[in-house]
Amino acid sequence: MKTTNSKKSGGALNPAQQSPTTQTRTPEPEQARTDTDDIRHLDFDLRKSNRALPADAVLAILRANDPAIYERAALVGKWIWVTFPERQAPAITSRLSQLGFHWNGARQTWQHPGGTASSAPMRKADPAEKYSITYPADLDPVQS
């Protein structure tokens, strides 16, 4: 396959240009995983069906399985937003993604459509200005 920025060197190939058969790679140890490894292990069919779940079902799953994430969940209209003060661990990213959340870089939050996903074009208005924001964890009865 040719690329538009490759140059002819007139002779021997430098190591970066060698064919894959002449280069050897040793497998990475399991503990040397990267952030992108977790995303490769997602069940994308399950993720797609989870995106259609209503907000109350998603919140129930978070409350039962991920109380720390549930504490950060906010309802904005029918959408669920989860915001962290700093970058979260890849395991959390993977769990949120599997549950049907997606990252919104403009708002710096994880968002789940709460069963209201549409193919309508994105609006520039901030939904937080239109809808009230409710924190379900704040509404839970105090457990002792």
C-alpha atoms as a PDB file:
ATOM      1  CA  MET A   1       0.000   0.000   0.000  1.00  0.00           C
ATOM      2  CA  LYS A   2       1.450   3.368  -0.973  1.00  0.00           C
ATOM      3  CA  THR A   3       1.206   6.417   1.200  1.00  0.00           C
ATOM      4  CA  THR A   4       1.381   9.967  -0.009  1.00  0.00           C
ATOM      5  CA  ASN A   5       4.188  10.966   2.348  1.00  0.00           C
ATOM      6  CA  SER A   6       6.579   8.040   1.744  1.00  0.00           C
ATOM      7  CA  LYS A   7       9.943   8.882   0.222  1.00  0.00           C
ATOM      8  CA  LYS A   8      12.231   6.766  -1.878  1.00  0.00           C
ATOM      9  CA  SER A   9      15.580   6.284  -0.151  1.00  0.00           C
ATOM     10  CA  GLY A  10      17.293   4.750  -3.152  1.00  0.00           C
ATOM     11  CA  GLY A  11      18.598   1.691  -1.334  1.00  0.00           C
ATOM     12  CA  ALA A  12      18.244  -0.196   1.898  1.00  0.00           C
ATOM     13  CA  LEU A  13      15.176   0.171   4.037  1.00  0.00           C
ATOM     14  CA  ASN A  14      15.517   1.786   7.416  1.00  0.00           C
ATOM     15  CA  PRO A  15      14.124  -0.251  10.364  1.00  0.00           C
ATOM     16  CA  ALA A  16      10.810   1.623  10.302  1.00  0.00           C
ATOM     17  CA  GLN A  17      10.306   0.653   6.658  1.00  0.00           C
ATOM     18  CA  GLN A  18      11.122  -3.062   7.042  1.00  0.00           C
ATOM     19  CA  SER A  19       8.389  -5.499   6.269  1.00  0.00           C
ATOM     20  CA  PRO A  20       6.487  -6.956   9.217  1.00  0.00           C
ATOM     21  CA  THR A  21       8.067 -10.367   8.601  1.00  0.00           C
ATOM     22  CA  THR A  22      11.545  -9.050   9.382  1.00  0.00           C
ATOM     23  CA  GLN A  23      10.500  -7.392  12.606  1.00  0.00           C
ATOM     24  CA  THR A  24       9.774  -9.422  15.695  1.00  0.00           C
ATOM     25  CA  ARG A  25       7.410  -8.498  18.477  1.00  0.00           C
ATOM     26  CA  THR A  26       7.258 -10.060  21.855  1.00  0.00           C
ATOM     27  CA  PRO A  27       3.828 -10.253  23.432  1.00  0.00           C
ATOM     28  CA  GLU A  28       3.166  -7.703  26.137  1.00  0.00           C
ATOM     29  CA  PRO A  29       2.700  -9.022  29.661  1.00  0.00           C
ATOM     30  CA  GLU A  30      -0.871  -8.878  30.975  1.00  0.00           C
ATOM     31  CA  GLN A  31      -0.045  -6.160  33.521  1.00  0.00           C
ATOM     32  CA  ALA A  32       1.234  -3.837  30.765  1.00  0.00           C
ATOM     33  CA  ARG A  33      -2.260  -3.114  29.446  1.00  0.00           C
ATOM     34  CA  THR A  34      -3.115   0.311  28.113  1.00  0.00           C
ATOM     35  CA  ASP A  35      -6.252   2.445  28.332  1.00  0.00           C
ATOM     36  CA  THR A  36      -7.386   1.196  24.930  1.00  0.00           C
ATOM     37  CA  ASP A  37      -7.210  -2.488  25.961  1.00  0.00           C
ATOM     38  CA  ASP A  38     -10.382  -2.242  28.037  1.00  0.00           C
ATOM     39  CA  ILE A  39     -12.387  -0.834  25.134  1.00  0.00           C
ATOM     40  CA  ARG A  40     -11.396  -3.825  22.982  1.00  0.00           C
ATOM     41  CA  HIS A  41     -13.086  -6.171  25.454  1.00  0.00           C
ATOM     42  CA  LEU A  42     -16.494  -4.529  25.224  1.00  0.00           C
ATOM     43  CA  ASP A  43     -19.524  -6.428  24.027  1.00  0.00           C
ATOM     44  CA  PHE A  44     -20.751  -3.849  21.522  1.00  0.00           C
ATOM     45  CA  ASP A  45     -24.125  -5.558  21.012  1.00  0.00           C
ATOM     46  CA  LEU A  46     -24.765  -5.368  24.769  1.00  0.00           C
ATOM     47  CA  ARG A  47     -23.543  -1.748  24.810  1.00  0.00           C
ATOM     48  CA  LYS A  48     -26.015  -0.868  22.048  1.00  0.00           C
ATOM     49  CA  SER A  49     -28.921  -2.462  23.908  1.00  0.00           C
ATOM     50  CA  ASN A  50     -27.828  -0.765  27.156  1.00  0.00           C
ATOM     51  CA  ARG A  51     -28.028   2.633  25.439  1.00  0.00           C
ATOM     52  CA  ALA A  52     -31.763   2.018  24.979  1.00  0.00           C
ATOM     53  CA  LEU A  53     -32.342   1.393  28.704  1.00  0.00           C
ATOM     54  CA  PRO A  54     -34.471   3.997  30.485  1.00  0.00           C
ATOM     55  CA  ALA A  55     -32.732   6.247  33.000  1.00  0.00           C
ATOM     56  CA  ASP A  56     -34.256   4.553  36.046  1.00  0.00           C
ATOM     57  CA  ALA A  57     -32.923   1.145  34.928  1.00  0.00           C
ATOM     58  CA  VAL A  58     -29.422   2.549  34.355  1.00  0.00           C
ATOM     59  CA  LEU A  59     -29.475   4.274  37.747  1.00  0.00           C
ATOM     60  CA  ALA A  60     -30.597   1.023  39.424  1.00  0.00           C
ATOM     61  CA  ILE A  61     -27.679  -0.825  37.811  1.00  0.00           C
ATOM     62  CA  LEU A  62     -25.234   1.873  38.915  1.00  0.00           C
ATOM     63  CA  ARG A  63     -26.655   1.929  42.435  1.00  0.00           C
ATOM     64  CA  ALA A  64     -26.346  -1.852  42.804  1.00  0.00           C
ATOM     65  CA  ASN A  65     -22.993  -2.375  41.071  1.00  0.00           C
ATOM     66  CA  ASP A  66     -21.094   0.912  41.173  1.00  0.00           C
ATOM     67  CA  PRO A  67     -22.175   3.044  44.160  1.00  0.00           C
ATOM     68  CA  ALA A  68     -19.243   5.455  43.721  1.00  0.00           C
ATOM     69  CA  ILE A  69     -20.329   6.185  40.146  1.00  0.00           C
ATOM     70  CA  TYR A  70     -23.982   6.355  41.208  1.00  0.00           C
ATOM     71  CA  GLU A  71     -23.045   9.083  43.714  1.00  0.00           C
ATOM     72  CA  ARG A  72     -21.760  11.197  40.799  1.00  0.00           C
ATOM     73  CA  ALA A  73     -24.747  10.585  38.510  1.00  0.00           C
ATOM     74  CA  ALA A  74     -26.960  13.547  37.624  1.00  0.00           C
ATOM     75  CA  LEU A  75     -30.233  13.507  35.708  1.00  0.00           C
ATOM     76  CA  VAL A  76     -30.407  16.255  33.105  1.00  0.00           C
ATOM     77  CA  GLY A  77     -33.818  15.907  31.540  1.00  0.00           C
ATOM     78  CA  LYS A  78     -33.942  12.169  30.852  1.00  0.00           C
ATOM     79  CA  TRP A  79     -30.202  11.893  30.250  1.00  0.00           C
ATOM     80  CA  ILE A  80     -27.732  10.714  32.862  1.00  0.00           C
ATOM     81  CA  TRP A  81     -24.462  12.615  33.198  1.00  0.00           C
ATOM     82  CA  VAL A  82     -21.514  11.343  35.243  1.00  0.00           C
ATOM     83  CA  THR A  83     -18.654  13.759  35.860  1.00  0.00           C
ATOM     84  CA  PHE A  84     -15.335  13.106  37.575  1.00  0.00           C
ATOM     85  CA  PRO A  85     -12.895  15.700  38.968  1.00  0.00           C
ATOM     86  CA  GLU A  86      -9.997  14.049  37.129  1.00  0.00           C
ATOM     87  CA  ARG A  87      -9.415  11.314  34.583  1.00  0.00           C
ATOM     88  CA  GLN A  88     -10.850   8.021  35.786  1.00  0.00           C
ATOM     89  CA  ALA A  89      -9.239   4.592  35.678  1.00  0.00           C
ATOM     90  CA  PRO A  90      -9.605   2.514  32.500  1.00  0.00           C
ATOM     91  CA  ALA A  91     -11.757  -0.010  34.385  1.00  0.00           C
ATOM     92  CA  ILE A  92     -14.326   2.717  35.160  1.00  0.00           C
ATOM     93  CA  THR A  93     -14.230   3.953  31.576  1.00  0.00           C
ATOM     94  CA  SER A  94     -14.853   0.414  30.371  1.00  0.00           C
ATOM     95  CA  ARG A  95     -17.784  -0.132  32.768  1.00  0.00           C
ATOM     96  CA  LEU A  96     -19.425   3.149  31.762  1.00  0.00           C
ATOM     97  CA  SER A  97     -18.960   2.440  28.080  1.00  0.00           C
ATOM     98  CA  GLN A  98     -20.346  -1.095  28.422  1.00  0.00           C
ATOM     99  CA  LEU A  99     -23.391   0.318  30.193  1.00  0.00           C
ATOM    100  CA  GLY A 100     -24.049   2.551  27.180  1.00  0.00           C
ATOM    101  CA  PHE A 101     -22.463   5.835  28.257  1.00  0.00           C
ATOM    102  CA  HIS A 102     -20.403   7.881  25.821  1.00  0.00           C
ATOM    103  CA  TRP A 103     -17.855  10.606  26.503  1.00  0.00           C
ATOM    104  CA  ASN A 104     -18.869  14.164  25.637  1.00  0.00           C
ATOM    105  CA  GLY A 105     -15.612  16.064  25.298  1.00  0.00           C
ATOM    106  CA  ALA A 106     -17.301  19.459  25.010  1.00  0.00           C
ATOM    107  CA  ARG A 107     -19.082  19.027  28.354  1.00  0.00           C
ATOM    108  CA  GLN A 108     -16.355  16.857  29.917  1.00  0.00           C
ATOM    109  CA  THR A 109     -18.884  14.314  31.134  1.00  0.00           C
ATOM    110  CA  TRP A 110     -20.032  10.771  30.492  1.00  0.00           C
ATOM    111  CA  GLN A 111     -23.565  10.760  29.102  1.00  0.00           C
ATOM    112  CA  HIS A 112     -26.271   8.126  28.755  1.00  0.00           C
ATOM    113  CA  PRO A 113     -29.405   8.913  26.723  1.00  0.00           C
ATOM    114  CA  GLY A 114     -31.717   7.222  29.236  1.00  0.00           C
ATOM    115  CA  GLY A 115     -33.636   5.525  26.445  1.00  0.00           C
ATOM    116  CA  THR A 116     -34.214   8.801  24.572  1.00  0.00           C
ATOM    117  CA  ALA A 117     -31.485   8.572  21.945  1.00  0.00           C
ATOM    118  CA  SER A 118     -32.443  10.144  18.667  1.00  0.00           C
ATOM    119  CA  SER A 119     -30.830  10.742  15.334  1.00  0.00           C
ATOM    120  CA  ALA A 120     -31.655  14.441  15.517  1.00  0.00           C
ATOM    121  CA  PRO A 121     -28.723  16.769  14.912  1.00  0.00           C
ATOM    122  CA  MET A 122     -26.802  17.930  17.961  1.00  0.00           C
ATOM    123  CA  ARG A 123     -27.987  21.216  19.379  1.00  0.00           C
ATOM    124  CA  LYS A 124     -25.558  23.837  20.581  1.00  0.00           C
ATOM    125  CA  ALA A 125     -27.701  24.836  23.560  1.00  0.00           C
ATOM    126  CA  ASP A 126     -26.636  23.387  26.881  1.00  0.00           C
ATOM    127  CA  PRO A 127     -29.325  20.979  28.151  1.00  0.00           C
ATOM    128  CA  ALA A 128     -28.342  21.887  31.728  1.00  0.00           C
ATOM    129  CA  GLU A 129     -29.764  25.354  31.038  1.00  0.00           C
ATOM    130  CA  LYS A 130     -33.081  23.952  29.789  1.00  0.00           C
ATOM    131  CA  TYR A 131     -33.665  21.057  32.199  1.00  0.00           C
ATOM    132  CA  SER A 132     -33.391  20.847  35.940  1.00  0.00           C
ATOM    133  CA  ILE A 133     -30.462  18.822  37.267  1.00  0.00           C
ATOM    134  CA  THR A 134     -31.317  16.168  39.834  1.00  0.00           C
ATOM    135  CA  TYR A 135     -28.863  14.018  41.745  1.00  0.00           C
ATOM    136  CA  PRO A 136     -30.653  10.701  42.435  1.00  0.00           C
ATOM    137  CA  ALA A 137     -28.233   9.815  45.245  1.00  0.00           C
ATOM    138  CA  ASP A 138     -29.369  12.932  47.100  1.00  0.00           C
ATOM    139  CA  LEU A 139     -32.980  11.739  46.912  1.00  0.00           C
ATOM    140  CA  ASP A 140     -32.263   8.293  48.367  1.00  0.00           C
ATOM    141  CA  PRO A 141     -33.397   7.725  51.933  1.00  0.00           C
ATOM    142  CA  VAL A 142     -30.526   7.774  54.388  1.00  0.00           C
ATOM    143  CA  GLN A 143     -29.376   4.242  55.069  1.00  0.00           C
ATOM    144  CA  SER A 144     -27.825   3.439  58.429  1.00  0.00           C
END
